[in-house]
PDB file of all heavy atoms in Angstrom:
ATOM      1  N   GLY A   1      76.908 166.272 112.605  1.00  0.00           N
ATOM      2  CA  GLY A   1      76.267 165.725 113.791  1.00  0.00           C
ATOM      3  C   GLY A   1      77.217 164.903 114.631  1.00  0.00           C
ATOM      4  O   GLY A   1      77.175 165.015 115.908  1.00  0.00           O
ATOM      5  N   LEU A   2      78.021 164.093 114.018  1.00  0.00           N
ATOM      6  CA  LEU A   2      79.024 163.337 114.750  1.00  0.00           C
ATOM      7  C   LEU A   2      80.024 164.226 115.511  1.00  0.00           C
ATOM      8  O   LEU A   2      80.413 163.907 116.639  1.00  0.00           O
ATOM      9  CB  LEU A   2      79.753 162.399 113.765  1.00  0.00           C
ATOM     10  CG  LEU A   2      78.957 161.187 113.225  1.00  0.00           C
ATOM     11  CD1 LEU A   2      79.696 160.618 112.034  1.00  0.00           C
ATOM     12  CD2 LEU A   2      78.761 160.163 114.319  1.00  0.00           C
ATOM     13  N   ALA A   3      80.352 165.360 114.880  1.00  0.00           N
ATOM     14  CA  ALA A   3      81.327 166.260 115.540  1.00  0.00           C
ATOM     15  C   ALA A   3      80.662 166.868 116.741  1.00  0.00           C
ATOM     16  O   ALA A   3      81.379 167.125 117.806  1.00  0.00           O
ATOM     17  CB  ALA A   3      81.695 167.397 114.573  1.00  0.00           C
ATOM     18  N   THR A   4      79.368 167.094 116.760  1.00  0.00           N
ATOM     19  CA  THR A   4      78.707 167.606 118.014  1.00  0.00           C
ATOM     20  C   THR A   4      78.720 166.596 119.153  1.00  0.00           C
ATOM     21  O   THR A   4      78.469 166.946 120.339  1.00  0.00           O
ATOM     22  CB  THR A   4      77.185 168.046 117.675  1.00  0.00           C
ATOM     23  OG1 THR A   4      76.438 166.894 117.399  1.00  0.00           O
ATOM     24  CG2 THR A   4      77.196 169.001 116.611  1.00  0.00           C
ATOM     25  N   CYS A   5      78.972 165.349 118.787  1.00  0.00           N
ATOM     26  CA  CYS A   5      78.952 164.297 119.819  1.00  0.00           C
ATOM     27  C   CYS A   5      80.405 163.977 120.256  1.00  0.00           C
ATOM     28  O   CYS A   5      80.633 162.894 120.979  1.00  0.00           O
ATOM     29  CB  CYS A   5      78.253 162.998 119.252  1.00  0.00           C
ATOM     30  SG  CYS A   5      76.557 163.302 118.833  1.00  0.00           S
ATOM     31  N   GLY A   6      81.374 164.768 119.845  1.00  0.00           N
ATOM     32  CA  GLY A   6      82.690 164.566 120.271  1.00  0.00           C
ATOM     33  C   GLY A   6      83.544 163.686 119.383  1.00  0.00           C
ATOM     34  O   GLY A   6      84.779 163.426 119.691  1.00  0.00           O
ATOM     35  N   LYS A   7      82.996 163.221 118.289  1.00  0.00           N
ATOM     36  CA  LYS A   7      83.796 162.378 117.337  1.00  0.00           C
ATOM     37  C   LYS A   7      84.552 163.312 116.415  1.00  0.00           C
ATOM     38  O   LYS A   7      84.338 164.574 116.274  1.00  0.00           O
ATOM     39  CB  LYS A   7      82.853 161.532 116.482  1.00  0.00           C
ATOM     40  CG  LYS A   7      82.023 160.544 117.244  1.00  0.00           C
ATOM     41  CD  LYS A   7      82.899 159.637 118.072  1.00  0.00           C
ATOM     42  CE  LYS A   7      82.047 158.584 118.812  1.00  0.00           C
ATOM     43  NZ  LYS A   7      82.902 157.703 119.704  1.00  0.00           N
ATOM     44  N   ILE A   8      85.576 162.755 115.763  1.00  0.00           N
ATOM     45  CA  ILE A   8      86.376 163.530 114.765  1.00  0.00           C
ATOM     46  C   ILE A   8      86.122 162.902 113.414  1.00  0.00           C
ATOM     47  O   ILE A   8      86.857 161.971 112.982  1.00  0.00           O
ATOM     48  CB  ILE A   8      87.904 163.436 115.105  1.00  0.00           C
ATOM     49  CG1 ILE A   8      88.190 163.891 116.573  1.00  0.00           C
ATOM     50  CG2 ILE A   8      88.639 164.323 114.150  1.00  0.00           C
ATOM     51  CD1 ILE A   8      89.548 163.761 117.040  1.00  0.00           C
ATOM     52  N   PRO A   9      85.176 163.425 112.673  1.00  0.00           N
ATOM     53  CA  PRO A   9      84.801 162.801 111.418  1.00  0.00           C
ATOM     54  C   PRO A   9      85.689 163.315 110.239  1.00  0.00           C
ATOM     55  O   PRO A   9      86.024 164.440 110.102  1.00  0.00           O
ATOM     56  CB  PRO A   9      83.350 163.260 111.144  1.00  0.00           C
ATOM     57  CG  PRO A   9      83.247 164.510 111.940  1.00  0.00           C
ATOM     58  CD  PRO A   9      84.205 164.452 113.103  1.00  0.00           C
ATOM     59  N   TYR A  10      86.157 162.329 109.429  1.00  0.00           N
ATOM     60  CA  TYR A  10      86.832 162.556 108.205  1.00  0.00           C
ATOM     61  C   TYR A  10      85.888 162.208 107.122  1.00  0.00           C
ATOM     62  O   TYR A  10      85.465 161.043 106.979  1.00  0.00           O
ATOM     63  CB  TYR A  10      88.107 161.740 108.048  1.00  0.00           C
ATOM     64  CG  TYR A  10      89.277 162.290 108.835  1.00  0.00           C
ATOM     65  CD1 TYR A  10      89.292 162.163 110.237  1.00  0.00           C
ATOM     66  CD2 TYR A  10      90.371 162.842 108.189  1.00  0.00           C
ATOM     67  CE1 TYR A  10      90.397 162.666 110.998  1.00  0.00           C
ATOM     68  CE2 TYR A  10      91.475 163.248 108.894  1.00  0.00           C
ATOM     69  CZ  TYR A  10      91.452 163.181 110.292  1.00  0.00           C
ATOM     70  OH  TYR A  10      92.587 163.648 111.005  1.00  0.00           O
ATOM     71  N   ALA A  11      85.431 163.237 106.364  1.00  0.00           N
ATOM     72  CA  ALA A  11      84.362 162.956 105.295  1.00  0.00           C
ATOM     73  C   ALA A  11      85.063 163.050 103.934  1.00  0.00           C
ATOM     74  O   ALA A  11      85.789 164.055 103.624  1.00  0.00           O
ATOM     75  CB  ALA A  11      83.267 164.027 105.372  1.00  0.00           C
ATOM     76  N   SER A  12      84.901 162.095 103.065  1.00  0.00           N
ATOM     77  CA  SER A  12      85.620 162.021 101.823  1.00  0.00           C
ATOM     78  C   SER A  12      84.723 161.732 100.656  1.00  0.00           C
ATOM     79  O   SER A  12      83.852 160.883 100.697  1.00  0.00           O
ATOM     80  CB  SER A  12      86.690 160.939 101.884  1.00  0.00           C
ATOM     81  OG  SER A  12      87.685 161.252 102.856  1.00  0.00           O
ATOM     82  N   THR A  13      85.104 162.319  99.561  1.00  0.00           N
ATOM     83  CA  THR A  13      84.562 162.042  98.154  1.00  0.00           C
ATOM     84  C   THR A  13      85.380 162.827  97.197  1.00  0.00           C
ATOM     85  O   THR A  13      86.384 163.478  97.563  1.00  0.00           O
ATOM     86  CB  THR A  13      83.035 162.410  98.089  1.00  0.00           C
ATOM     87  OG1 THR A  13      82.553 162.075  96.800  1.00  0.00           O
ATOM     88  CG2 THR A  13      82.801 163.940  98.216  1.00  0.00           C
ATOM     89  N   PHE A  14      85.034 162.788  95.930  1.00  0.00           N
ATOM     90  CA  PHE A  14      85.813 163.540  94.954  1.00  0.00           C
ATOM     91  C   PHE A  14      85.615 165.068  95.237  1.00  0.00           C
ATOM     92  O   PHE A  14      84.564 165.467  95.719  1.00  0.00           O
ATOM     93  CB  PHE A  14      85.317 163.270  93.449  1.00  0.00           C
ATOM     94  CG  PHE A  14      85.764 161.902  93.066  1.00  0.00           C
ATOM     95  CD1 PHE A  14      86.432 161.030  93.856  1.00  0.00           C
ATOM     96  CD2 PHE A  14      85.418 161.477  91.769  1.00  0.00           C
ATOM     97  CE1 PHE A  14      86.731 159.756  93.385  1.00  0.00           C
ATOM     98  CE2 PHE A  14      85.738 160.230  91.267  1.00  0.00           C
ATOM     99  CZ  PHE A  14      86.395 159.393  92.094  1.00  0.00           C
ATOM    100  N   ALA A  15      86.599 165.855  94.936  1.00  0.00           N
ATOM    101  CA  ALA A  15      86.524 167.351  95.237  1.00  0.00           C
ATOM    102  C   ALA A  15      85.330 168.040  94.611  1.00  0.00           C
ATOM    103  O   ALA A  15      84.684 168.904  95.172  1.00  0.00           O
ATOM    104  CB  ALA A  15      87.830 168.021  94.810  1.00  0.00           C
ATOM    105  N   VAL A  16      84.955 167.583  93.405  1.00  0.00           N
ATOM    106  CA  VAL A  16      83.833 168.167  92.698  1.00  0.00           C
ATOM    107  C   VAL A  16      82.522 167.942  93.383  1.00  0.00           C
ATOM    108  O   VAL A  16      81.660 168.784  93.346  1.00  0.00           O
ATOM    109  CB  VAL A  16      83.767 167.675  91.152  1.00  0.00           C
ATOM    110  CG1 VAL A  16      83.353 166.301  91.124  1.00  0.00           C
ATOM    111  CG2 VAL A  16      82.981 168.631  90.362  1.00  0.00           C
ATOM    112  N   PHE A  17      82.409 166.858  94.129  1.00  0.00           N
ATOM    113  CA  PHE A  17      81.212 166.544  94.897  1.00  0.00           C
ATOM    114  C   PHE A  17      81.296 167.160  96.273  1.00  0.00           C
ATOM    115  O   PHE A  17      80.234 167.578  96.795  1.00  0.00           O
ATOM    116  CB  PHE A  17      81.007 165.053  94.892  1.00  0.00           C
ATOM    117  CG  PHE A  17      80.929 164.364  93.617  1.00  0.00           C
ATOM    118  CD1 PHE A  17      81.635 163.205  93.396  1.00  0.00           C
ATOM    119  CD2 PHE A  17      80.131 164.878  92.569  1.00  0.00           C
ATOM    120  CE1 PHE A  17      81.531 162.611  92.132  1.00  0.00           C
ATOM    121  CE2 PHE A  17      80.107 164.248  91.344  1.00  0.00           C
ATOM    122  CZ  PHE A  17      80.842 163.156  91.083  1.00  0.00           C
ATOM    123  N   ALA A  18      82.493 167.085  96.861  1.00  0.00           N
ATOM    124  CA  ALA A  18      82.583 167.672  98.277  1.00  0.00           C
ATOM    125  C   ALA A  18      82.344 169.185  98.267  1.00  0.00           C
ATOM    126  O   ALA A  18      81.433 169.702  98.922  1.00  0.00           O
ATOM    127  CB  ALA A  18      83.942 167.348  98.820  1.00  0.00           C
ATOM    128  N   ALA A  19      83.202 169.902  97.505  1.00  0.00           N
ATOM    129  CA  ALA A  19      83.091 171.347  97.458  1.00  0.00           C
ATOM    130  C   ALA A  19      81.943 171.870  96.671  1.00  0.00           C
ATOM    131  O   ALA A  19      81.367 172.965  96.882  1.00  0.00           O
ATOM    132  CB  ALA A  19      84.383 171.949  96.938  1.00  0.00           C
ATOM    133  N   GLY A  20      81.446 171.089  95.622  1.00  0.00           N
ATOM    134  CA  GLY A  20      80.419 171.502  94.803  1.00  0.00           C
ATOM    135  C   GLY A  20      79.028 171.172  95.349  1.00  0.00           C
ATOM    136  O   GLY A  20      78.344 172.000  95.838  1.00  0.00           O
ATOM    137  N   ARG A  21      78.747 169.900  95.369  1.00  0.00           N
ATOM    138  CA  ARG A  21      77.404 169.503  95.852  1.00  0.00           C
ATOM    139  C   ARG A  21      77.211 169.705  97.333  1.00  0.00           C
ATOM    140  O   ARG A  21      76.101 169.988  97.713  1.00  0.00           O
ATOM    141  CB  ARG A  21      77.133 167.982  95.564  1.00  0.00           C
ATOM    142  CG  ARG A  21      76.827 167.662  94.138  1.00  0.00           C
ATOM    143  CD  ARG A  21      76.489 166.237  94.022  1.00  0.00           C
ATOM    144  NE  ARG A  21      76.229 165.822  92.671  1.00  0.00           N
ATOM    145  CZ  ARG A  21      76.094 164.603  92.208  1.00  0.00           C
ATOM    146  NH1 ARG A  21      76.059 163.606  93.069  1.00  0.00           N
ATOM    147  NH2 ARG A  21      75.909 164.349  90.943  1.00  0.00           N
ATOM    148  N   GLY A  22      78.277 169.643  98.063  1.00  0.00           N
ATOM    149  CA  GLY A  22      78.225 169.778  99.499  1.00  0.00           C
ATOM    150  C   GLY A  22      78.378 171.195 100.077  1.00  0.00           C
ATOM    151  O   GLY A  22      78.434 171.390 101.304  1.00  0.00           O
ATOM    152  N   TYR A  23      78.497 172.189  99.205  1.00  0.00           N
ATOM    153  CA  TYR A  23      78.843 173.520  99.642  1.00  0.00           C
ATOM    154  C   TYR A  23      77.902 174.109 100.724  1.00  0.00           C
ATOM    155  O   TYR A  23      78.248 174.690 101.725  1.00  0.00           O
ATOM    156  CB  TYR A  23      78.902 174.512  98.445  1.00  0.00           C
ATOM    157  CG  TYR A  23      79.319 175.956  98.880  1.00  0.00           C
ATOM    158  CD1 TYR A  23      80.662 176.244  99.199  1.00  0.00           C
ATOM    159  CD2 TYR A  23      78.382 176.915  99.110  1.00  0.00           C
ATOM    160  CE1 TYR A  23      81.033 177.465  99.543  1.00  0.00           C
ATOM    161  CE2 TYR A  23      78.754 178.174  99.477  1.00  0.00           C
ATOM    162  CZ  TYR A  23      80.005 178.506  99.765  1.00  0.00           C
ATOM    163  OH  TYR A  23      80.424 179.717 100.132  1.00  0.00           O
ATOM    164  N   ASP A  24      76.635 173.876 100.481  1.00  0.00           N
ATOM    165  CA  ASP A  24      75.602 174.486 101.403  1.00  0.00           C
ATOM    166  C   ASP A  24      75.768 173.899 102.808  1.00  0.00           C
ATOM    167  O   ASP A  24      75.792 174.612 103.835  1.00  0.00           O
ATOM    168  CB  ASP A  24      74.213 174.288 100.942  1.00  0.00           C
ATOM    169  CG  ASP A  24      73.150 174.942 101.807  1.00  0.00           C
ATOM    170  OD1 ASP A  24      73.285 176.113 102.079  1.00  0.00           O
ATOM    171  OD2 ASP A  24      72.187 174.247 102.201  1.00  0.00           O
ATOM    172  N   GLN A  25      75.959 172.555 102.869  1.00  0.00           N
ATOM    173  CA  GLN A  25      76.103 171.869 104.186  1.00  0.00           C
ATOM    174  C   GLN A  25      77.461 172.277 104.815  1.00  0.00           C
ATOM    175  O   GLN A  25      77.575 172.452 106.000  1.00  0.00           O
ATOM    176  CB  GLN A  25      76.089 170.435 103.987  1.00  0.00           C
ATOM    177  CG  GLN A  25      74.692 169.827 103.763  1.00  0.00           C
ATOM    178  CD  GLN A  25      74.072 170.297 102.404  1.00  0.00           C
ATOM    179  OE1 GLN A  25      74.800 170.409 101.406  1.00  0.00           O
ATOM    180  NE2 GLN A  25      72.772 170.487 102.437  1.00  0.00           N
ATOM    181  N   ILE A  26      78.539 172.431 103.988  1.00  0.00           N
ATOM    182  CA  ILE A  26      79.805 172.877 104.543  1.00  0.00           C
ATOM    183  C   ILE A  26      79.669 174.263 105.145  1.00  0.00           C
ATOM    184  O   ILE A  26      80.144 174.572 106.237  1.00  0.00           O
ATOM    185  CB  ILE A  26      80.930 172.843 103.463  1.00  0.00           C
ATOM    186  CG1 ILE A  26      81.204 171.424 103.005  1.00  0.00           C
ATOM    187  CG2 ILE A  26      82.152 173.499 103.971  1.00  0.00           C
ATOM    188  CD1 ILE A  26      82.103 171.301 101.804  1.00  0.00           C
ATOM    189  N   ARG A  27      79.026 175.102 104.402  1.00  0.00           N
ATOM    190  CA  ARG A  27      78.873 176.534 104.892  1.00  0.00           C
ATOM    191  C   ARG A  27      78.001 176.634 106.099  1.00  0.00           C
ATOM    192  O   ARG A  27      78.424 177.230 107.163  1.00  0.00           O
ATOM    193  CB  ARG A  27      78.222 177.428 103.813  1.00  0.00           C
ATOM    194  CG  ARG A  27      78.105 178.864 104.130  1.00  0.00           C
ATOM    195  CD  ARG A  27      77.398 179.613 102.994  1.00  0.00           C
ATOM    196  NE  ARG A  27      77.444 181.087 103.253  1.00  0.00           N
ATOM    197  CZ  ARG A  27      76.559 181.737 104.019  1.00  0.00           C
ATOM    198  NH1 ARG A  27      75.505 181.072 104.553  1.00  0.00           N
ATOM    199  NH2 ARG A  27      76.651 183.029 104.176  1.00  0.00           N
ATOM    200  N   ASN A  28      76.793 176.024 106.084  1.00  0.00           N
ATOM    201  CA  ASN A  28      75.890 176.278 107.118  1.00  0.00           C
ATOM    202  C   ASN A  28      75.811 175.307 108.256  1.00  0.00           C
ATOM    203  O   ASN A  28      75.499 175.621 109.372  1.00  0.00           O
ATOM    204  CB  ASN A  28      74.459 176.346 106.556  1.00  0.00           C
ATOM    205  CG  ASN A  28      74.283 177.567 105.633  1.00  0.00           C
ATOM    206  OD1 ASN A  28      74.702 178.681 105.993  1.00  0.00           O
ATOM    207  ND2 ASN A  28      73.637 177.395 104.465  1.00  0.00           N
ATOM    208  N   SER A  29      76.236 174.034 107.987  1.00  0.00           N
ATOM    209  CA  SER A  29      76.185 173.015 108.987  1.00  0.00           C
ATOM    210  C   SER A  29      77.538 172.701 109.653  1.00  0.00           C
ATOM    211  O   SER A  29      77.643 172.141 110.732  1.00  0.00           O
ATOM    212  CB  SER A  29      75.669 171.691 108.432  1.00  0.00           C
ATOM    213  OG  SER A  29      74.338 171.822 107.985  1.00  0.00           O
TER     214      SER A  29
END
């Protein structure tokens, strides 16, 4: 959402949570 407003977001967490839990949002959003 922030990216659609012209911001440059850096989103961080452990890789297992970023790529694992967040996969659907990374793919579709």
